[in-house]
mmCIF file of all heavy atoms, coordinates in Angstrom:
data_MODEL
# 
_entry.id   MODEL 
# 
loop_
_atom_site.group_PDB 
_atom_site.id 
_atom_site.type_symbol 
_atom_site.label_atom_id 
_atom_site.label_alt_id 
_atom_site.label_comp_id 
_atom_site.label_asym_id 
_atom_site.label_entity_id 
_atom_site.label_seq_id 
_atom_site.pdbx_PDB_ins_code 
_atom_site.Cartn_x 
_atom_site.Cartn_y 
_atom_site.Cartn_z 
_atom_site.occupancy 
_atom_site.B_iso_or_equiv 
_atom_site.pdbx_formal_charge 
_atom_site.auth_seq_id 
_atom_site.auth_comp_id 
_atom_site.auth_asym_id 
_atom_site.auth_atom_id 
_atom_site.pdbx_PDB_model_num 
ATOM 1   N N   . VAL A 1 1  ? -76.215 -64.017 8.066  1.00 0.00 ? 1  VAL A N   1 
ATOM 2   C CA  . VAL A 1 1  ? -76.898 -64.060 9.354  1.00 0.00 ? 1  VAL A CA  1 
ATOM 3   C C   . VAL A 1 1  ? -78.106 -64.971 9.222  1.00 0.00 ? 1  VAL A C   1 
ATOM 4   O O   . VAL A 1 1  ? -78.681 -65.094 8.111  1.00 0.00 ? 1  VAL A O   1 
ATOM 5   C CB  . VAL A 1 1  ? -77.308 -62.654 9.804  1.00 0.00 ? 1  VAL A CB  1 
ATOM 6   C CG1 . VAL A 1 1  ? -78.303 -62.035 8.837  1.00 0.00 ? 1  VAL A CG1 1 
ATOM 7   C CG2 . VAL A 1 1  ? -77.838 -62.627 11.246 1.00 0.00 ? 1  VAL A CG2 1 
ATOM 8   N N   . GLN A 1 2  ? -78.522 -65.576 10.315 1.00 0.00 ? 2  GLN A N   1 
ATOM 9   C CA  . GLN A 1 2  ? -79.710 -66.418 10.276 1.00 0.00 ? 2  GLN A CA  1 
ATOM 10  C C   . GLN A 1 2  ? -80.949 -65.578 10.362 1.00 0.00 ? 2  GLN A C   1 
ATOM 11  O O   . GLN A 1 2  ? -80.949 -64.453 10.884 1.00 0.00 ? 2  GLN A O   1 
ATOM 12  C CB  . GLN A 1 2  ? -79.678 -67.429 11.424 1.00 0.00 ? 2  GLN A CB  1 
ATOM 13  C CG  . GLN A 1 2  ? -78.687 -68.536 11.253 1.00 0.00 ? 2  GLN A CG  1 
ATOM 14  C CD  . GLN A 1 2  ? -78.813 -69.609 12.311 1.00 0.00 ? 2  GLN A CD  1 
ATOM 15  O OE1 . GLN A 1 2  ? -79.278 -69.340 13.428 1.00 0.00 ? 2  GLN A OE1 1 
ATOM 16  N NE2 . GLN A 1 2  ? -78.468 -70.835 11.955 1.00 0.00 ? 2  GLN A NE2 1 
ATOM 17  N N   . ALA A 1 3  ? -82.042 -66.116 9.850  1.00 0.00 ? 3  ALA A N   1 
ATOM 18  C CA  . ALA A 1 3  ? -83.339 -65.399 9.920  1.00 0.00 ? 3  ALA A CA  1 
ATOM 19  C C   . ALA A 1 3  ? -83.641 -65.079 11.384 1.00 0.00 ? 3  ALA A C   1 
ATOM 20  O O   . ALA A 1 3  ? -83.408 -65.883 12.291 1.00 0.00 ? 3  ALA A O   1 
ATOM 21  C CB  . ALA A 1 3  ? -84.443 -66.272 9.364  1.00 0.00 ? 3  ALA A CB  1 
ATOM 22  N N   . GLY A 1 4  ? -84.126 -63.855 11.593 1.00 0.00 ? 4  GLY A N   1 
ATOM 23  C CA  . GLY A 1 4  ? -84.401 -63.383 12.950 1.00 0.00 ? 4  GLY A CA  1 
ATOM 24  C C   . GLY A 1 4  ? -83.247 -62.650 13.575 1.00 0.00 ? 4  GLY A C   1 
ATOM 25  O O   . GLY A 1 4  ? -83.407 -62.013 14.627 1.00 0.00 ? 4  GLY A O   1 
ATOM 26  N N   . GLY A 1 5  ? -82.092 -62.726 12.943 1.00 0.00 ? 5  GLY A N   1 
ATOM 27  C CA  . GLY A 1 5  ? -80.894 -62.083 13.503 1.00 0.00 ? 5  GLY A CA  1 
ATOM 28  C C   . GLY A 1 5  ? -80.786 -60.623 13.110 1.00 0.00 ? 5  GLY A C   1 
ATOM 29  O O   . GLY A 1 5  ? -81.721 -60.052 12.490 1.00 0.00 ? 5  GLY A O   1 
ATOM 30  N N   . SER A 1 6  ? -79.680 -60.030 13.471 1.00 0.00 ? 6  SER A N   1 
ATOM 31  C CA  . SER A 1 6  ? -79.482 -58.605 13.240 1.00 0.00 ? 6  SER A CA  1 
ATOM 32  C C   . SER A 1 6  ? -78.115 -58.347 12.589 1.00 0.00 ? 6  SER A C   1 
ATOM 33  O O   . SER A 1 6  ? -77.183 -59.119 12.742 1.00 0.00 ? 6  SER A O   1 
ATOM 34  C CB  . SER A 1 6  ? -79.497 -57.832 14.586 1.00 0.00 ? 6  SER A CB  1 
ATOM 35  O OG  . SER A 1 6  ? -80.761 -57.974 15.199 1.00 0.00 ? 6  SER A OG  1 
ATOM 36  N N   . LEU A 1 7  ? -78.064 -57.224 11.873 1.00 0.00 ? 7  LEU A N   1 
ATOM 37  C CA  . LEU A 1 7  ? -76.827 -56.719 11.322 1.00 0.00 ? 7  LEU A CA  1 
ATOM 38  C C   . LEU A 1 7  ? -76.835 -55.203 11.395 1.00 0.00 ? 7  LEU A C   1 
ATOM 39  O O   . LEU A 1 7  ? -77.908 -54.614 11.319 1.00 0.00 ? 7  LEU A O   1 
ATOM 40  C CB  . LEU A 1 7  ? -76.629 -57.163 9.839  1.00 0.00 ? 7  LEU A CB  1 
ATOM 41  C CG  . LEU A 1 7  ? -76.111 -58.518 9.529  1.00 0.00 ? 7  LEU A CG  1 
ATOM 42  C CD1 . LEU A 1 7  ? -76.113 -58.727 7.997  1.00 0.00 ? 7  LEU A CD1 1 
ATOM 43  C CD2 . LEU A 1 7  ? -74.731 -58.746 10.089 1.00 0.00 ? 7  LEU A CD2 1 
ATOM 44  N N   . ARG A 1 8  ? -75.687 -54.633 11.495 1.00 0.00 ? 8  ARG A N   1 
ATOM 45  C CA  . ARG A 1 8  ? -75.557 -53.201 11.453 1.00 0.00 ? 8  ARG A CA  1 
ATOM 46  C C   . ARG A 1 8  ? -74.618 -52.790 10.332 1.00 0.00 ? 8  ARG A C   1 
ATOM 47  O O   . ARG A 1 8  ? -73.449 -53.179 10.362 1.00 0.00 ? 8  ARG A O   1 
ATOM 48  C CB  . ARG A 1 8  ? -75.045 -52.625 12.773 1.00 0.00 ? 8  ARG A CB  1 
ATOM 49  C CG  . ARG A 1 8  ? -75.088 -51.116 12.879 1.00 0.00 ? 8  ARG A CG  1 
ATOM 50  C CD  . ARG A 1 8  ? -74.297 -50.602 14.040 1.00 0.00 ? 8  ARG A CD  1 
ATOM 51  N NE  . ARG A 1 8  ? -74.609 -49.247 14.398 1.00 0.00 ? 8  ARG A NE  1 
ATOM 52  C CZ  . ARG A 1 8  ? -73.768 -48.428 15.041 1.00 0.00 ? 8  ARG A CZ  1 
ATOM 53  N NH1 . ARG A 1 8  ? -72.577 -48.847 15.409 1.00 0.00 ? 8  ARG A NH1 1 
ATOM 54  N NH2 . ARG A 1 8  ? -74.132 -47.184 15.339 1.00 0.00 ? 8  ARG A NH2 1 
ATOM 55  N N   . LEU A 1 9  ? -75.146 -52.095 9.372  1.00 0.00 ? 9  LEU A N   1 
ATOM 56  C CA  . LEU A 1 9  ? -74.320 -51.606 8.274  1.00 0.00 ? 9  LEU A CA  1 
ATOM 57  C C   . LEU A 1 9  ? -73.857 -50.179 8.574  1.00 0.00 ? 9  LEU A C   1 
ATOM 58  O O   . LEU A 1 9  ? -74.576 -49.413 9.199  1.00 0.00 ? 9  LEU A O   1 
ATOM 59  C CB  . LEU A 1 9  ? -75.110 -51.598 6.969  1.00 0.00 ? 9  LEU A CB  1 
ATOM 60  C CG  . LEU A 1 9  ? -75.746 -52.942 6.548  1.00 0.00 ? 9  LEU A CG  1 
ATOM 61  C CD1 . LEU A 1 9  ? -76.392 -52.787 5.172  1.00 0.00 ? 9  LEU A CD1 1 
ATOM 62  C CD2 . LEU A 1 9  ? -74.744 -54.045 6.523  1.00 0.00 ? 9  LEU A CD2 1 
ATOM 63  N N   . SER A 1 10 ? -72.661 -49.899 8.117  1.00 0.00 ? 10 SER A N   1 
ATOM 64  C CA  . SER A 1 10 ? -72.141 -48.520 8.229  1.00 0.00 ? 10 SER A CA  1 
ATOM 65  C C   . SER A 1 10 ? -71.718 -48.060 6.864  1.00 0.00 ? 10 SER A C   1 
ATOM 66  O O   . SER A 1 10 ? -71.331 -48.838 5.991  1.00 0.00 ? 10 SER A O   1 
ATOM 67  C CB  . SER A 1 10 ? -70.929 -48.486 9.154  1.00 0.00 ? 10 SER A CB  1 
ATOM 68  O OG  . SER A 1 10 ? -71.239 -48.960 10.445 1.00 0.00 ? 10 SER A OG  1 
ATOM 69  N N   . CYS A 1 11 ? -71.756 -46.754 6.657  1.00 0.00 ? 11 CYS A N   1 
ATOM 70  C CA  . CYS A 1 11 ? -71.280 -46.174 5.406  1.00 0.00 ? 11 CYS A CA  1 
ATOM 71  C C   . CYS A 1 11 ? -70.475 -44.932 5.763  1.00 0.00 ? 11 CYS A C   1 
ATOM 72  O O   . CYS A 1 11 ? -71.001 -43.972 6.295  1.00 0.00 ? 11 CYS A O   1 
ATOM 73  C CB  . CYS A 1 11 ? -72.445 -45.820 4.490  1.00 0.00 ? 11 CYS A CB  1 
ATOM 74  S SG  . CYS A 1 11 ? -71.953 -44.902 3.025  1.00 0.00 ? 11 CYS A SG  1 
ATOM 75  N N   . ALA A 1 12 ? -69.188 -44.996 5.461  1.00 0.00 ? 12 ALA A N   1 
ATOM 76  C CA  . ALA A 1 12 ? -68.300 -43.866 5.753  1.00 0.00 ? 12 ALA A CA  1 
ATOM 77  C C   . ALA A 1 12 ? -68.129 -43.032 4.498  1.00 0.00 ? 12 ALA A C   1 
ATOM 78  O O   . ALA A 1 12 ? -67.808 -43.552 3.403  1.00 0.00 ? 12 ALA A O   1 
ATOM 79  C CB  . ALA A 1 12 ? -66.949 -44.393 6.211  1.00 0.00 ? 12 ALA A CB  1 
ATOM 80  N N   . ALA A 1 13 ? -68.331 -41.748 4.615  1.00 0.00 ? 13 ALA A N   1 
ATOM 81  C CA  . ALA A 1 13 ? -68.281 -40.826 3.484  1.00 0.00 ? 13 ALA A CA  1 
ATOM 82  C C   . ALA A 1 13 ? -67.053 -39.920 3.585  1.00 0.00 ? 13 ALA A C   1 
ATOM 83  O O   . ALA A 1 13 ? -66.627 -39.544 4.676  1.00 0.00 ? 13 ALA A O   1 
ATOM 84  C CB  . ALA A 1 13 ? -69.533 -39.971 3.445  1.00 0.00 ? 13 ALA A CB  1 
ATOM 85  N N   . SER A 1 14 ? -66.520 -39.602 2.429  1.00 0.00 ? 14 SER A N   1 
ATOM 86  C CA  . SER A 1 14 ? -65.398 -38.654 2.355  1.00 0.00 ? 14 SER A CA  1 
ATOM 87  C C   . SER A 1 14 ? -65.503 -37.881 1.075  1.00 0.00 ? 14 SER A C   1 
ATOM 88  O O   . SER A 1 14 ? -66.172 -38.297 0.131  1.00 0.00 ? 14 SER A O   1 
ATOM 89  C CB  . SER A 1 14 ? -64.036 -39.380 2.457  1.00 0.00 ? 14 SER A CB  1 
ATOM 90  O OG  . SER A 1 14 ? -63.902 -40.289 1.385  1.00 0.00 ? 14 SER A OG  1 
ATOM 91  N N   . GLY A 1 15 ? -64.843 -36.713 1.046  1.00 0.00 ? 15 GLY A N   1 
ATOM 92  C CA  . GLY A 1 15 ? -64.828 -35.917 -0.167 1.00 0.00 ? 15 GLY A CA  1 
ATOM 93  C C   . GLY A 1 15 ? -66.050 -35.053 -0.355 1.00 0.00 ? 15 GLY A C   1 
ATOM 94  O O   . GLY A 1 15 ? -66.246 -34.483 -1.445 1.00 0.00 ? 15 GLY A O   1 
ATOM 95  N N   . LEU A 1 16 ? -66.913 -34.969 0.659  1.00 0.00 ? 16 LEU A N   1 
ATOM 96  C CA  . LEU A 1 16 ? -68.087 -34.132 0.590  1.00 0.00 ? 16 LEU A CA  1 
ATOM 97  C C   . LEU A 1 16 ? -68.378 -33.554 1.995  1.00 0.00 ? 16 LEU A C   1 
ATOM 98  O O   . LEU A 1 16 ? -67.813 -33.969 2.967  1.00 0.00 ? 16 LEU A O   1 
ATOM 99  C CB  . LEU A 1 16 ? -69.317 -34.892 0.075  1.00 0.00 ? 16 LEU A CB  1 
ATOM 100 C CG  . LEU A 1 16 ? -69.625 -36.284 0.637  1.00 0.00 ? 16 LEU A CG  1 
ATOM 101 C CD1 . LEU A 1 16 ? -70.113 -36.211 2.092  1.00 0.00 ? 16 LEU A CD1 1 
ATOM 102 C CD2 . LEU A 1 16 ? -70.641 -36.983 -0.249 1.00 0.00 ? 16 LEU A CD2 1 
ATOM 103 N N   . THR A 1 17 ? -69.247 -32.561 2.027  1.00 0.00 ? 17 THR A N   1 
ATOM 104 C CA  . THR A 1 17 ? -69.713 -31.980 3.277  1.00 0.00 ? 17 THR A CA  1 
ATOM 105 C C   . THR A 1 17 ? -70.845 -32.834 3.789  1.00 0.00 ? 17 THR A C   1 
ATOM 106 O O   . THR A 1 17 ? -71.985 -32.674 3.389  1.00 0.00 ? 17 THR A O   1 
ATOM 107 C CB  . THR A 1 17 ? -70.120 -30.529 3.110  1.00 0.00 ? 17 THR A CB  1 
ATOM 108 O OG1 . THR A 1 17 ? -69.058 -29.770 2.514  1.00 0.00 ? 17 THR A OG1 1 
ATOM 109 C CG2 . THR A 1 17 ? -70.497 -29.929 4.455  1.00 0.00 ? 17 THR A CG2 1 
ATOM 110 N N   . PHE A 1 18 ? -70.502 -33.761 4.696  1.00 0.00 ? 18 PHE A N   1 
ATOM 111 C CA  . PHE A 1 18 ? -71.446 -34.817 5.065  1.00 0.00 ? 18 PHE A CA  1 
ATOM 112 C C   . PHE A 1 18 ? -72.734 -34.245 5.684  1.00 0.00 ? 18 PHE A C   1 
ATOM 113 O O   . PHE A 1 18 ? -73.805 -34.740 5.435  1.00 0.00 ? 18 PHE A O   1 
ATOM 114 C CB  . PHE A 1 18 ? -70.804 -35.790 6.013  1.00 0.00 ? 18 PHE A CB  1 
ATOM 115 C CG  . PHE A 1 18 ? -71.636 -36.980 6.351  1.00 0.00 ? 18 PHE A CG  1 
ATOM 116 C CD1 . PHE A 1 18 ? -71.754 -37.998 5.427  1.00 0.00 ? 18 PHE A CD1 1 
ATOM 117 C CD2 . PHE A 1 18 ? -72.295 -37.084 7.574  1.00 0.00 ? 18 PHE A CD2 1 
ATOM 118 C CE1 . PHE A 1 18 ? -72.526 -39.112 5.694  1.00 0.00 ? 18 PHE A CE1 1 
ATOM 119 C CE2 . PHE A 1 18 ? -73.064 -38.189 7.860  1.00 0.00 ? 18 PHE A CE2 1 
ATOM 120 C CZ  . PHE A 1 18 ? -73.187 -39.207 6.912  1.00 0.00 ? 18 PHE A CZ  1 
ATOM 121 N N   . SER A 1 19 ? -72.604 -33.194 6.431  1.00 0.00 ? 19 SER A N   1 
ATOM 122 C CA  . SER A 1 19 ? -73.773 -32.606 7.070  1.00 0.00 ? 19 SER A CA  1 
ATOM 123 C C   . SER A 1 19 ? -74.719 -31.922 6.093  1.00 0.00 ? 19 SER A C   1 
ATOM 124 O O   . SER A 1 19 ? -75.799 -31.484 6.505  1.00 0.00 ? 19 SER A O   1 
ATOM 125 C CB  . SER A 1 19 ? -73.342 -31.590 8.183  1.00 0.00 ? 19 SER A CB  1 
ATOM 126 O OG  . SER A 1 19 ? -72.573 -30.569 7.588  1.00 0.00 ? 19 SER A OG  1 
ATOM 127 N N   . SER A 1 20 ? -74.324 -31.851 4.847  1.00 0.00 ? 20 SER A N   1 
ATOM 128 C CA  . SER A 1 20 ? -75.150 -31.207 3.826  1.00 0.00 ? 20 SER A CA  1 
ATOM 129 C C   . SER A 1 20 ? -75.541 -32.154 2.726  1.00 0.00 ? 20 SER A C   1 
ATOM 130 O O   . SER A 1 20 ? -75.758 -31.739 1.561  1.00 0.00 ? 20 SER A O   1 
ATOM 131 C CB  . SER A 1 20 ? -74.439 -29.975 3.208  1.00 0.00 ? 20 SER A CB  1 
ATOM 132 O OG  . SER A 1 20 ? -74.210 -28.988 4.188  1.00 0.00 ? 20 SER A OG  1 
ATOM 133 N N   . VAL A 1 21 ? -75.617 -33.443 3.037  1.00 0.00 ? 21 VAL A N   1 
ATOM 134 C CA  . VAL A 1 21 ? -76.122 -34.399 2.068  1.00 0.00 ? 21 VAL A CA  1 
ATOM 135 C C   . VAL A 1 21 ? -77.187 -35.294 2.725  1.00 0.00 ? 21 VAL A C   1 
ATOM 136 O O   . VAL A 1 21 ? -77.053 -35.655 3.893  1.00 0.00 ? 21 VAL A O   1 
ATOM 137 C CB  . VAL A 1 21 ? -75.025 -35.286 1.448  1.00 0.00 ? 21 VAL A CB  1 
ATOM 138 C CG1 . VAL A 1 21 ? -74.143 -34.481 0.541  1.00 0.00 ? 21 VAL A CG1 1 
ATOM 139 C CG2 . VAL A 1 21 ? -74.206 -36.006 2.506  1.00 0.00 ? 21 VAL A CG2 1 
ATOM 140 N N   . THR A 1 22 ? -78.193 -35.612 1.976  1.00 0.00 ? 22 THR A N   1 
ATOM 141 C CA  . THR A 1 22 ? -79.159 -36.634 2.368  1.00 0.00 ? 22 THR A CA  1 
ATOM 142 C C   . THR A 1 22 ? -78.517 -37.970 2.105  1.00 0.00 ? 22 THR A C   1 
ATOM 143 O O   . THR A 1 22 ? -77.908 -38.186 1.078  1.00 0.00 ? 22 THR A O   1 
ATOM 144 C CB  . THR A 1 22 ? -80.467 -36.442 1.551  1.00 0.00 ? 22 THR A CB  1 
ATOM 145 O OG1 . THR A 1 22 ? -81.081 -35.244 1.936  1.00 0.00 ? 22 THR A OG1 1 
ATOM 146 C CG2 . THR A 1 22 ? -81.387 -37.620 1.783  1.00 0.00 ? 22 THR A CG2 1 
ATOM 147 N N   . MET A 1 23 ? -78.700 -38.875 3.031  1.00 0.00 ? 23 MET A N   1 
ATOM 148 C CA  . MET A 1 23 ? -78.130 -40.202 2.864  1.00 0.00 ? 23 MET A CA  1 
ATOM 149 C C   . MET A 1 23 ? -79.253 -41.231 2.734  1.00 0.00 ? 23 MET A C   1 
ATOM 150 O O   . MET A 1 23 ? -80.310 -41.102 3.342  1.00 0.00 ? 23 MET A O   1 
ATOM 151 C CB  . MET A 1 23 ? -77.286 -40.565 4.069  1.00 0.00 ? 23 MET A CB  1 
ATOM 152 C CG  . MET A 1 23 ? -76.031 -39.677 4.246  1.00 0.00 ? 23 MET A CG  1 
ATOM 153 S SD  . MET A 1 23 ? -74.913 -39.730 2.818  1.00 0.00 ? 23 MET A SD  1 
ATOM 154 C CE  . MET A 1 23 ? -74.402 -41.431 2.821  1.00 0.00 ? 23 MET A CE  1 
ATOM 155 N N   . GLY A 1 24 ? -78.980 -42.259 1.953  1.00 0.00 ? 24 GLY A N   1 
ATOM 156 C CA  . GLY A 1 24 ? -79.981 -43.257 1.753  1.00 0.00 ? 24 GLY A CA  1 
ATOM 157 C C   . GLY A 1 24 ? -79.341 -44.667 1.695  1.00 0.00 ? 24 GLY A C   1 
ATOM 158 O O   . GLY A 1 24 ? -78.126 -44.778 1.431  1.00 0.00 ? 24 GLY A O   1 
ATOM 159 N N   . TRP A 1 25 ? -80.153 -45.682 1.907  1.00 0.00 ? 25 TRP A N   1 
ATOM 160 C CA  . TRP A 1 25 ? -79.745 -47.065 1.711  1.00 0.00 ? 25 TRP A CA  1 
ATOM 161 C C   . TRP A 1 25 ? -80.712 -47.647 0.699  1.00 0.00 ? 25 TRP A C   1 
ATOM 162 O O   . TRP A 1 25 ? -81.947 -47.534 0.843  1.00 0.00 ? 25 TRP A O   1 
ATOM 163 C CB  . TRP A 1 25 ? -79.830 -47.857 2.997  1.00 0.00 ? 25 TRP A CB  1 
ATOM 164 C CG  . TRP A 1 25 ? -78.733 -47.537 3.982  1.00 0.00 ? 25 TRP A CG  1 
ATOM 165 C CD1 . TRP A 1 25 ? -78.810 -46.683 5.041  1.00 0.00 ? 25 TRP A CD1 1 
ATOM 166 C CD2 . TRP A 1 25 ? -77.405 -48.106 4.021  1.00 0.00 ? 25 TRP A CD2 1 
ATOM 167 N NE1 . TRP A 1 25 ? -77.610 -46.659 5.718  1.00 0.00 ? 25 TRP A NE1 1 
ATOM 168 C CE2 . TRP A 1 25 ? -76.745 -47.528 5.125  1.00 0.00 ? 25 TRP A CE2 1 
ATOM 169 C CE3 . TRP A 1 25 ? -76.722 -49.033 3.249  1.00 0.00 ? 25 TRP A CE3 1 
ATOM 170 C CZ2 . TRP A 1 25 ? -75.446 -47.854 5.484  1.00 0.00 ? 25 TRP A CZ2 1 
ATOM 171 C CZ3 . TRP A 1 25 ? -75.440 -49.355 3.578  1.00 0.00 ? 25 TRP A CZ3 1 
ATOM 172 C CH2 . TRP A 1 25 ? -74.790 -48.746 4.691  1.00 0.00 ? 25 TRP A CH2 1 
ATOM 173 N N   . PHE A 1 26 ? -80.137 -48.295 -0.316 1.00 0.00 ? 26 PHE A N   1 
ATOM 174 C CA  . PHE A 1 26 ? -80.903 -49.022 -1.293 1.00 0.00 ? 26 PHE A CA  1 
ATOM 175 C C   . PHE A 1 26 ? -80.448 -50.485 -1.292 1.00 0.00 ? 26 PHE A C   1 
ATOM 176 O O   . PHE A 1 26 ? -79.351 -50.770 -0.780 1.00 0.00 ? 26 PHE A O   1 
ATOM 177 C CB  . PHE A 1 26 ? -80.691 -48.439 -2.682 1.00 0.00 ? 26 PHE A CB  1 
ATOM 178 C CG  . PHE A 1 26 ? -81.369 -47.101 -2.902 1.00 0.00 ? 26 PHE A CG  1 
ATOM 179 C CD1 . PHE A 1 26 ? -80.855 -45.953 -2.327 1.00 0.00 ? 26 PHE A CD1 1 
ATOM 180 C CD2 . PHE A 1 26 ? -82.501 -47.009 -3.680 1.00 0.00 ? 26 PHE A CD2 1 
ATOM 181 C CE1 . PHE A 1 26 ? -81.464 -44.718 -2.500 1.00 0.00 ? 26 PHE A CE1 1 
ATOM 182 C CE2 . PHE A 1 26 ? -83.152 -45.784 -3.873 1.00 0.00 ? 26 PHE A CE2 1 
ATOM 183 C CZ  . PHE A 1 26 ? -82.624 -44.649 -3.268 1.00 0.00 ? 26 PHE A CZ  1 
ATOM 184 N N   . ARG A 1 27 ? -81.233 -51.330 -1.887 1.00 0.00 ? 27 ARG A N   1 
ATOM 185 C CA  . ARG A 1 27 ? -80.802 -52.744 -1.985 1.00 0.00 ? 27 ARG A CA  1 
ATOM 186 C C   . ARG A 1 27 ? -81.189 -53.286 -3.328 1.00 0.00 ? 27 ARG A C   1 
ATOM 187 O O   . ARG A 1 27 ? -82.169 -52.859 -3.956 1.00 0.00 ? 27 ARG A O   1 
ATOM 188 C CB  . ARG A 1 27 ? -81.329 -53.572 -0.852 1.00 0.00 ? 27 ARG A CB  1 
ATOM 189 C CG  . ARG A 1 27 ? -82.842 -53.813 -0.865 1.00 0.00 ? 27 ARG A CG  1 
ATOM 190 C CD  . ARG A 1 27 ? -83.270 -54.571 0.351  1.00 0.00 ? 27 ARG A CD  1 
ATOM 191 N NE  . ARG A 1 27 ? -84.665 -54.995 0.264  1.00 0.00 ? 27 ARG A NE  1 
ATOM 192 C CZ  . ARG A 1 27 ? -85.304 -55.641 1.228  1.00 0.00 ? 27 ARG A CZ  1 
ATOM 193 N NH1 . ARG A 1 27 ? -84.670 -55.886 2.401  1.00 0.00 ? 27 ARG A NH1 1 
ATOM 194 N NH2 . ARG A 1 27 ? -86.575 -56.019 1.075  1.00 0.00 ? 27 ARG A NH2 1 
ATOM 195 N N   . LEU A 1 28 ? -80.383 -54.275 -3.759 1.00 0.00 ? 28 LEU A N   1 
ATOM 196 C CA  . LEU A 1 28 ? -80.637 -54.929 -5.041 1.00 0.00 ? 28 LEU A CA  1 
ATOM 197 C C   . LEU A 1 28 ? -80.480 -56.437 -4.826 1.00 0.00 ? 28 LEU A C   1 
ATOM 198 O O   . LEU A 1 28 ? -79.397 -56.901 -4.446 1.00 0.00 ? 28 LEU A O   1 
ATOM 199 C CB  . LEU A 1 28 ? -79.631 -54.449 -6.085 1.00 0.00 ? 28 LEU A CB  1 
ATOM 200 C CG  . LEU A 1 28 ? -79.770 -55.018 -7.475 1.00 0.00 ? 28 LEU A CG  1 
ATOM 201 C CD1 . LEU A 1 28 ? -81.130 -54.667 -8.067 1.00 0.00 ? 28 LEU A CD1 1 
ATOM 202 C CD2 . LEU A 1 28 ? -78.641 -54.502 -8.401 1.00 0.00 ? 28 LEU A CD2 1 
ATOM 203 N N   . ALA A 1 29 ? -81.578 -57.150 -5.072 1.00 0.00 ? 29 ALA A N   1 
ATOM 204 C CA  . ALA A 1 29 ? -81.571 -58.602 -4.953 1.00 0.00 ? 29 ALA A CA  1 
ATOM 205 C C   . ALA A 1 29 ? -81.625 -59.189 -6.351 1.00 0.00 ? 29 ALA A C   1 
ATOM 206 O O   . ALA A 1 29 ? -82.151 -58.596 -7.286 1.00 0.00 ? 29 ALA A O   1 
ATOM 207 C CB  . ALA A 1 29 ? -82.769 -59.040 -4.119 1.00 0.00 ? 29 ALA A CB  1 
# 
């Protein structure tokens, strides 16, 4: 994406009780 633009990331979870986990996003450059 160009600077100033937008993106929407999604993360689909399975194999766990999703409503009972804290979710986070990390990044590595």
